[in-house]
PDB file of all heavy atoms in Angstrom:
ATOM      1  N   PHE A   1     -14.619 -13.566  -8.774  1.00  0.00           N
ATOM      2  CA  PHE A   1     -14.368 -13.379  -7.380  1.00  0.00           C
ATOM      3  C   PHE A   1     -14.710 -11.943  -6.906  1.00  0.00           C
ATOM      4  O   PHE A   1     -14.280 -11.521  -5.753  1.00  0.00           O
ATOM      5  CB  PHE A   1     -13.014 -13.778  -6.970  1.00  0.00           C
ATOM      6  CG  PHE A   1     -11.913 -13.066  -7.713  1.00  0.00           C
ATOM      7  CD1 PHE A   1     -11.460 -11.829  -7.328  1.00  0.00           C
ATOM      8  CD2 PHE A   1     -11.348 -13.601  -8.852  1.00  0.00           C
ATOM      9  CE1 PHE A   1     -10.453 -11.170  -7.990  1.00  0.00           C
ATOM     10  CE2 PHE A   1     -10.296 -12.952  -9.531  1.00  0.00           C
ATOM     11  CZ  PHE A   1      -9.832 -11.680  -9.064  1.00  0.00           C
ATOM     12  N   ALA A   2     -15.345 -11.132  -7.759  1.00  0.00           N
ATOM     13  CA  ALA A   2     -15.452  -9.684  -7.477  1.00  0.00           C
ATOM     14  C   ALA A   2     -16.033  -9.358  -6.113  1.00  0.00           C
ATOM     15  O   ALA A   2     -15.772  -8.368  -5.520  1.00  0.00           O
ATOM     16  CB  ALA A   2     -16.295  -9.055  -8.593  1.00  0.00           C
ATOM     17  N   LYS A   3     -16.977 -10.193  -5.628  1.00  0.00           N
ATOM     18  CA  LYS A   3     -17.671  -9.829  -4.363  1.00  0.00           C
ATOM     19  C   LYS A   3     -17.092 -10.597  -3.192  1.00  0.00           C
ATOM     20  O   LYS A   3     -17.647 -10.608  -2.117  1.00  0.00           O
ATOM     21  CB  LYS A   3     -19.145 -10.146  -4.481  1.00  0.00           C
ATOM     22  CG  LYS A   3     -19.881  -9.297  -5.555  1.00  0.00           C
ATOM     23  CD  LYS A   3     -21.415  -9.621  -5.680  1.00  0.00           C
ATOM     24  CE  LYS A   3     -22.054  -8.715  -6.584  1.00  0.00           C
ATOM     25  NZ  LYS A   3     -23.522  -9.031  -6.680  1.00  0.00           N
ATOM     26  N   GLU A   4     -15.953 -11.243  -3.420  1.00  0.00           N
ATOM     27  CA  GLU A   4     -15.308 -12.038  -2.355  1.00  0.00           C
ATOM     28  C   GLU A   4     -14.082 -11.220  -1.838  1.00  0.00           C
ATOM     29  O   GLU A   4     -13.083 -11.165  -2.481  1.00  0.00           O
ATOM     30  CB  GLU A   4     -14.863 -13.457  -2.917  1.00  0.00           C
ATOM     31  CG  GLU A   4     -16.076 -14.219  -3.445  1.00  0.00           C
ATOM     32  CD  GLU A   4     -15.651 -15.278  -4.395  1.00  0.00           C
ATOM     33  OE1 GLU A   4     -14.359 -15.498  -4.655  1.00  0.00           O
ATOM     34  OE2 GLU A   4     -16.571 -15.972  -4.944  1.00  0.00           O
ATOM     35  N   ARG A   5     -14.278 -10.718  -0.599  1.00  0.00           N
ATOM     36  CA  ARG A   5     -13.246  -9.780  -0.080  1.00  0.00           C
ATOM     37  C   ARG A   5     -11.805 -10.322  -0.016  1.00  0.00           C
ATOM     38  O   ARG A   5     -10.889  -9.671  -0.468  1.00  0.00           O
ATOM     39  CB  ARG A   5     -13.728  -9.307   1.307  1.00  0.00           C
ATOM     40  CG  ARG A   5     -12.870  -8.200   1.916  1.00  0.00           C
ATOM     41  CD  ARG A   5     -12.913  -6.886   1.112  1.00  0.00           C
ATOM     42  NE  ARG A   5     -11.945  -5.924   1.650  1.00  0.00           N
ATOM     43  CZ  ARG A   5     -12.224  -5.104   2.679  1.00  0.00           C
ATOM     44  NH1 ARG A   5     -13.408  -5.192   3.349  1.00  0.00           N
ATOM     45  NH2 ARG A   5     -11.334  -4.289   3.139  1.00  0.00           N
ATOM     46  N   ALA A   6     -11.698 -11.469   0.540  1.00  0.00           N
ATOM     47  CA  ALA A   6     -10.347 -12.067   0.766  1.00  0.00           C
ATOM     48  C   ALA A   6      -9.662 -12.271  -0.589  1.00  0.00           C
ATOM     49  O   ALA A   6      -8.560 -11.992  -0.809  1.00  0.00           O
ATOM     50  CB  ALA A   6     -10.411 -13.376   1.468  1.00  0.00           C
ATOM     51  N   ASN A   7     -10.466 -12.749  -1.590  1.00  0.00           N
ATOM     52  CA  ASN A   7      -9.941 -13.023  -2.909  1.00  0.00           C
ATOM     53  C   ASN A   7      -9.504 -11.796  -3.607  1.00  0.00           C
ATOM     54  O   ASN A   7      -8.412 -11.666  -4.277  1.00  0.00           O
ATOM     55  CB  ASN A   7     -10.870 -13.768  -3.777  1.00  0.00           C
ATOM     56  CG  ASN A   7     -11.042 -15.215  -3.310  1.00  0.00           C
ATOM     57  OD1 ASN A   7     -10.061 -15.833  -2.709  1.00  0.00           O
ATOM     58  ND2 ASN A   7     -12.123 -15.885  -3.536  1.00  0.00           N
ATOM     59  N   CYS A   8     -10.347 -10.690  -3.567  1.00  0.00           N
ATOM     60  CA  CYS A   8     -10.003  -9.452  -4.047  1.00  0.00           C
ATOM     61  C   CYS A   8      -8.688  -8.883  -3.455  1.00  0.00           C
ATOM     62  O   CYS A   8      -7.817  -8.284  -4.134  1.00  0.00           O
ATOM     63  CB  CYS A   8     -11.093  -8.409  -3.989  1.00  0.00           C
ATOM     64  SG  CYS A   8     -12.570  -8.754  -4.992  1.00  0.00           S
ATOM     65  N   GLU A   9      -8.627  -8.983  -2.130  1.00  0.00           N
ATOM     66  CA  GLU A   9      -7.448  -8.400  -1.442  1.00  0.00           C
ATOM     67  C   GLU A   9      -6.088  -9.226  -1.764  1.00  0.00           C
ATOM     68  O   GLU A   9      -5.046  -8.524  -1.819  1.00  0.00           O
ATOM     69  CB  GLU A   9      -7.702  -8.410   0.069  1.00  0.00           C
ATOM     70  CG  GLU A   9      -8.836  -7.505   0.538  1.00  0.00           C
ATOM     71  CD  GLU A   9      -8.431  -6.011   0.588  1.00  0.00           C
ATOM     72  OE1 GLU A   9      -7.198  -5.719   0.268  1.00  0.00           O
ATOM     73  OE2 GLU A   9      -9.314  -5.215   0.803  1.00  0.00           O
ATOM     74  N   MET A  10      -6.247 -10.475  -1.954  1.00  0.00           N
ATOM     75  CA  MET A  10      -4.996 -11.309  -2.136  1.00  0.00           C
ATOM     76  C   MET A  10      -4.677 -11.605  -3.517  1.00  0.00           C
ATOM     77  O   MET A  10      -3.691 -12.296  -3.849  1.00  0.00           O
ATOM     78  CB  MET A  10      -5.160 -12.555  -1.335  1.00  0.00           C
ATOM     79  CG  MET A  10      -5.175 -12.461   0.200  1.00  0.00           C
ATOM     80  SD  MET A  10      -3.622 -11.829   0.894  1.00  0.00           S
ATOM     81  CE  MET A  10      -2.471 -13.105   0.512  1.00  0.00           C
ATOM     82  N   TYR A  11      -5.421 -11.087  -4.483  1.00  0.00           N
ATOM     83  CA  TYR A  11      -5.191 -11.359  -5.845  1.00  0.00           C
ATOM     84  C   TYR A  11      -3.837 -10.757  -6.341  1.00  0.00           C
ATOM     85  O   TYR A  11      -3.624  -9.566  -6.200  1.00  0.00           O
ATOM     86  CB  TYR A  11      -6.334 -10.851  -6.786  1.00  0.00           C
ATOM     87  CG  TYR A  11      -6.124 -11.121  -8.233  1.00  0.00           C
ATOM     88  CD1 TYR A  11      -5.829 -12.437  -8.730  1.00  0.00           C
ATOM     89  CD2 TYR A  11      -6.267 -10.127  -9.151  1.00  0.00           C
ATOM     90  CE1 TYR A  11      -5.629 -12.566 -10.146  1.00  0.00           C
ATOM     91  CE2 TYR A  11      -6.102 -10.305 -10.491  1.00  0.00           C
ATOM     92  CZ  TYR A  11      -5.820 -11.566 -10.963  1.00  0.00           C
ATOM     93  OH  TYR A  11      -5.653 -11.747 -12.328  1.00  0.00           O
ATOM     94  N   MET A  12      -2.973 -11.612  -6.893  1.00  0.00           N
ATOM     95  CA  MET A  12      -1.709 -11.151  -7.491  1.00  0.00           C
ATOM     96  C   MET A  12      -1.809 -11.459  -8.981  1.00  0.00           C
ATOM     97  O   MET A  12      -1.685 -12.636  -9.353  1.00  0.00           O
ATOM     98  CB  MET A  12      -0.610 -11.843  -6.899  1.00  0.00           C
ATOM     99  CG  MET A  12      -0.369 -11.558  -5.388  1.00  0.00           C
ATOM    100  SD  MET A  12       1.166 -12.398  -4.700  1.00  0.00           S
ATOM    101  CE  MET A  12       2.432 -11.392  -5.416  1.00  0.00           C
ATOM    102  N   PRO A  13      -1.908 -10.413  -9.860  1.00  0.00           N
ATOM    103  CA  PRO A  13      -2.008 -10.698 -11.301  1.00  0.00           C
ATOM    104  C   PRO A  13      -0.702 -11.381 -11.686  1.00  0.00           C
ATOM    105  O   PRO A  13       0.377 -11.110 -11.188  1.00  0.00           O
ATOM    106  CB  PRO A  13      -2.088  -9.316 -11.913  1.00  0.00           C
ATOM    107  CG  PRO A  13      -2.667  -8.459 -10.826  1.00  0.00           C
ATOM    108  CD  PRO A  13      -2.093  -9.029  -9.522  1.00  0.00           C
ATOM    109  N   LEU A  14      -0.840 -12.310 -12.721  1.00  0.00           N
ATOM    110  CA  LEU A  14       0.389 -13.078 -13.161  1.00  0.00           C
ATOM    111  C   LEU A  14       1.175 -12.302 -14.228  1.00  0.00           C
ATOM    112  O   LEU A  14       2.268 -12.546 -14.435  1.00  0.00           O
ATOM    113  CB  LEU A  14      -0.017 -14.391 -13.707  1.00  0.00           C
ATOM    114  CG  LEU A  14      -0.685 -15.352 -12.746  1.00  0.00           C
ATOM    115  CD1 LEU A  14      -0.872 -16.760 -13.352  1.00  0.00           C
ATOM    116  CD2 LEU A  14       0.107 -15.500 -11.455  1.00  0.00           C
ATOM    117  N   SER A  15       0.516 -11.250 -14.808  1.00  0.00           N
ATOM    118  CA  SER A  15       1.249 -10.449 -15.848  1.00  0.00           C
ATOM    119  C   SER A  15       0.469  -9.154 -16.044  1.00  0.00           C
ATOM    120  O   SER A  15      -0.731  -9.043 -15.625  1.00  0.00           O
ATOM    121  CB  SER A  15       1.361 -11.147 -17.128  1.00  0.00           C
ATOM    122  OG  SER A  15       0.152 -11.212 -17.856  1.00  0.00           O
ATOM    123  N   MET A  16       1.011  -8.163 -16.683  1.00  0.00           N
ATOM    124  CA  MET A  16       0.411  -6.916 -16.979  1.00  0.00           C
ATOM    125  C   MET A  16      -0.759  -7.143 -17.903  1.00  0.00           C
ATOM    126  O   MET A  16      -1.671  -6.250 -17.948  1.00  0.00           O
ATOM    127  CB  MET A  16       1.387  -5.942 -17.546  1.00  0.00           C
ATOM    128  CG  MET A  16       2.306  -5.312 -16.478  1.00  0.00           C
ATOM    129  SD  MET A  16       1.542  -4.135 -15.373  1.00  0.00           S
ATOM    130  CE  MET A  16       1.238  -2.725 -16.405  1.00  0.00           C
ATOM    131  N   ALA A  17      -0.710  -8.214 -18.658  1.00  0.00           N
ATOM    132  CA  ALA A  17      -1.887  -8.441 -19.552  1.00  0.00           C
ATOM    133  C   ALA A  17      -3.209  -8.641 -18.798  1.00  0.00           C
ATOM    134  O   ALA A  17      -4.240  -8.506 -19.435  1.00  0.00           O
ATOM    135  CB  ALA A  17      -1.512  -9.746 -20.345  1.00  0.00           C
ATOM    136  N   GLU A  18      -3.166  -9.003 -17.520  1.00  0.00           N
ATOM    137  CA  GLU A  18      -4.372  -9.112 -16.782  1.00  0.00           C
ATOM    138  C   GLU A  18      -4.849  -7.816 -16.237  1.00  0.00           C
ATOM    139  O   GLU A  18      -5.971  -7.776 -15.637  1.00  0.00           O
ATOM    140  CB  GLU A  18      -4.099 -10.070 -15.597  1.00  0.00           C
ATOM    141  CG  GLU A  18      -3.688 -11.511 -16.051  1.00  0.00           C
ATOM    142  CD  GLU A  18      -3.580 -12.445 -14.815  1.00  0.00           C
ATOM    143  OE1 GLU A  18      -4.205 -12.211 -13.793  1.00  0.00           O
ATOM    144  OE2 GLU A  18      -2.861 -13.479 -14.951  1.00  0.00           O
ATOM    145  N   LEU A  19      -4.162  -6.792 -16.433  1.00  0.00           N
ATOM    146  CA  LEU A  19      -4.551  -5.389 -15.960  1.00  0.00           C
ATOM    147  C   LEU A  19      -5.107  -4.633 -17.109  1.00  0.00           C
ATOM    148  O   LEU A  19      -4.460  -4.426 -18.030  1.00  0.00           O
ATOM    149  CB  LEU A  19      -3.375  -4.674 -15.334  1.00  0.00           C
ATOM    150  CG  LEU A  19      -2.634  -5.351 -14.105  1.00  0.00           C
ATOM    151  CD1 LEU A  19      -1.552  -4.424 -13.634  1.00  0.00           C
ATOM    152  CD2 LEU A  19      -3.560  -5.742 -13.028  1.00  0.00           C
ATOM    153  N   GLN A  20      -6.366  -4.208 -16.868  1.00  0.00           N
ATOM    154  CA  GLN A  20      -7.019  -3.390 -17.923  1.00  0.00           C
ATOM    155  C   GLN A  20      -7.543  -2.103 -17.299  1.00  0.00           C
ATOM    156  O   GLN A  20      -7.669  -2.008 -16.015  1.00  0.00           O
ATOM    157  CB  GLN A  20      -8.146  -4.099 -18.600  1.00  0.00           C
ATOM    158  CG  GLN A  20      -7.735  -5.489 -19.175  1.00  0.00           C
ATOM    159  CD  GLN A  20      -6.730  -5.314 -20.294  1.00  0.00           C
ATOM    160  OE1 GLN A  20      -6.780  -4.400 -21.118  1.00  0.00           O
ATOM    161  NE2 GLN A  20      -5.825  -6.232 -20.445  1.00  0.00           N
ATOM    162  N   GLY A  21      -7.854  -1.155 -18.115  1.00  0.00           N
ATOM    163  CA  GLY A  21      -8.547   0.086 -17.691  1.00  0.00           C
ATOM    164  C   GLY A  21      -7.823   0.789 -16.490  1.00  0.00           C
ATOM    165  O   GLY A  21      -6.629   1.046 -16.543  1.00  0.00           O
ATOM    166  N   LYS A  22      -8.558   1.012 -15.432  1.00  0.00           N
ATOM    167  CA  LYS A  22      -8.084   1.754 -14.309  1.00  0.00           C
ATOM    168  C   LYS A  22      -6.947   1.057 -13.626  1.00  0.00           C
ATOM    169  O   LYS A  22      -5.994   1.717 -13.153  1.00  0.00           O
ATOM    170  CB  LYS A  22      -9.221   2.018 -13.285  1.00  0.00           C
ATOM    171  CG  LYS A  22      -8.918   2.887 -12.094  1.00  0.00           C
ATOM    172  CD  LYS A  22     -10.165   3.105 -11.248  1.00  0.00           C
ATOM    173  CE  LYS A  22      -9.773   4.057 -10.060  1.00  0.00           C
ATOM    174  NZ  LYS A  22     -10.981   4.250  -9.246  1.00  0.00           N
ATOM    175  N   ALA A  23      -6.969  -0.303 -13.518  1.00  0.00           N
ATOM    176  CA  ALA A  23      -5.885  -1.022 -12.857  1.00  0.00           C
ATOM    177  C   ALA A  23      -4.607  -0.780 -13.551  1.00  0.00           C
ATOM    178  O   ALA A  23      -3.495  -0.506 -12.936  1.00  0.00           O
ATOM    179  CB  ALA A  23      -6.237  -2.467 -12.757  1.00  0.00           C
ATOM    180  N   ARG A  24      -4.647  -0.836 -14.862  1.00  0.00           N
ATOM    181  CA  ARG A  24      -3.390  -0.641 -15.652  1.00  0.00           C
ATOM    182  C   ARG A  24      -2.883   0.787 -15.596  1.00  0.00           C
ATOM    183  O   ARG A  24      -1.678   1.100 -15.371  1.00  0.00           O
ATOM    184  CB  ARG A  24      -3.624  -1.005 -17.105  1.00  0.00           C
ATOM    185  CG  ARG A  24      -2.339  -0.957 -17.963  1.00  0.00           C
ATOM    186  CD  ARG A  24      -2.637  -1.411 -19.338  1.00  0.00           C
ATOM    187  NE  ARG A  24      -1.452  -1.548 -20.097  1.00  0.00           N
ATOM    188  CZ  ARG A  24      -0.669  -2.721 -20.188  1.00  0.00           C
ATOM    189  NH1 ARG A  24      -1.126  -3.760 -19.447  1.00  0.00           N
ATOM    190  NH2 ARG A  24       0.358  -2.747 -20.826  1.00  0.00           N
ATOM    191  N   ALA A  25      -3.832   1.822 -15.618  1.00  0.00           N
ATOM    192  CA  ALA A  25      -3.485   3.218 -15.579  1.00  0.00           C
ATOM    193  C   ALA A  25      -2.898   3.552 -14.169  1.00  0.00           C
ATOM    194  O   ALA A  25      -1.876   4.286 -14.109  1.00  0.00           O
ATOM    195  CB  ALA A  25      -4.690   4.095 -15.852  1.00  0.00           C
ATOM    196  N   MET A  26      -3.427   3.005 -13.102  1.00  0.00           N
ATOM    197  CA  MET A  26      -2.952   3.351 -11.815  1.00  0.00           C
ATOM    198  C   MET A  26      -1.569   2.615 -11.514  1.00  0.00           C
ATOM    199  O   MET A  26      -0.719   3.235 -10.838  1.00  0.00           O
ATOM    200  CB  MET A  26      -3.967   2.950 -10.804  1.00  0.00           C
ATOM    201  CG  MET A  26      -5.236   3.847 -10.807  1.00  0.00           C
ATOM    202  SD  MET A  26      -6.397   3.437  -9.492  1.00  0.00           S
ATOM    203  CE  MET A  26      -5.426   3.972  -8.034  1.00  0.00           C
ATOM    204  N   THR A  27      -1.373   1.474 -12.068  1.00  0.00           N
ATOM    205  CA  THR A  27      -0.134   0.884 -11.877  1.00  0.00           C
ATOM    206  C   THR A  27       0.998   1.622 -12.604  1.00  0.00           C
ATOM    207  O   THR A  27       2.075   1.888 -12.057  1.00  0.00           O
ATOM    208  CB  THR A  27      -0.174  -0.599 -12.489  1.00  0.00           C
ATOM    209  OG1 THR A  27      -1.157  -1.347 -11.640  1.00  0.00           O
ATOM    210  CG2 THR A  27       1.179  -1.288 -12.382  1.00  0.00           C
ATOM    211  N   LEU A  28       0.745   1.977 -13.837  1.00  0.00           N
ATOM    212  CA  LEU A  28       1.757   2.726 -14.602  1.00  0.00           C
ATOM    213  C   LEU A  28       1.970   4.119 -14.028  1.00  0.00           C
ATOM    214  O   LEU A  28       3.111   4.644 -13.973  1.00  0.00           O
ATOM    215  CB  LEU A  28       1.338   2.800 -16.109  1.00  0.00           C
ATOM    216  CG  LEU A  28       1.274   1.482 -16.791  1.00  0.00           C
ATOM    217  CD1 LEU A  28       0.701   1.643 -18.244  1.00  0.00           C
ATOM    218  CD2 LEU A  28       2.689   0.746 -16.817  1.00  0.00           C
ATOM    219  N   GLY A  29       0.882   4.673 -13.532  1.00  0.00           N
ATOM    220  CA  GLY A  29       1.009   5.981 -12.937  1.00  0.00           C
ATOM    221  C   GLY A  29       1.836   5.975 -11.685  1.00  0.00           C
ATOM    222  O   GLY A  29       2.664   6.889 -11.465  1.00  0.00           O
ATOM    223  N   ALA A  30       1.641   4.933 -10.856  1.00  0.00           N
ATOM    224  CA  ALA A  30       2.410   4.820  -9.624  1.00  0.00           C
ATOM    225  C   ALA A  30       3.902   4.652  -9.907  1.00  0.00           C
ATOM    226  O   ALA A  30       4.759   5.169  -9.104  1.00  0.00           O
ATOM    227  CB  ALA A  30       1.975   3.595  -8.891  1.00  0.00           C
TER     228      ALA A  30
END
């Protein structure tokens, strides 16, 4: 869904296992 704006905006990962790379780093940093 990478190019689908609504899906990107409303995506709620079900666990931290779904977060990799920058997403994981920014979450833990926050």
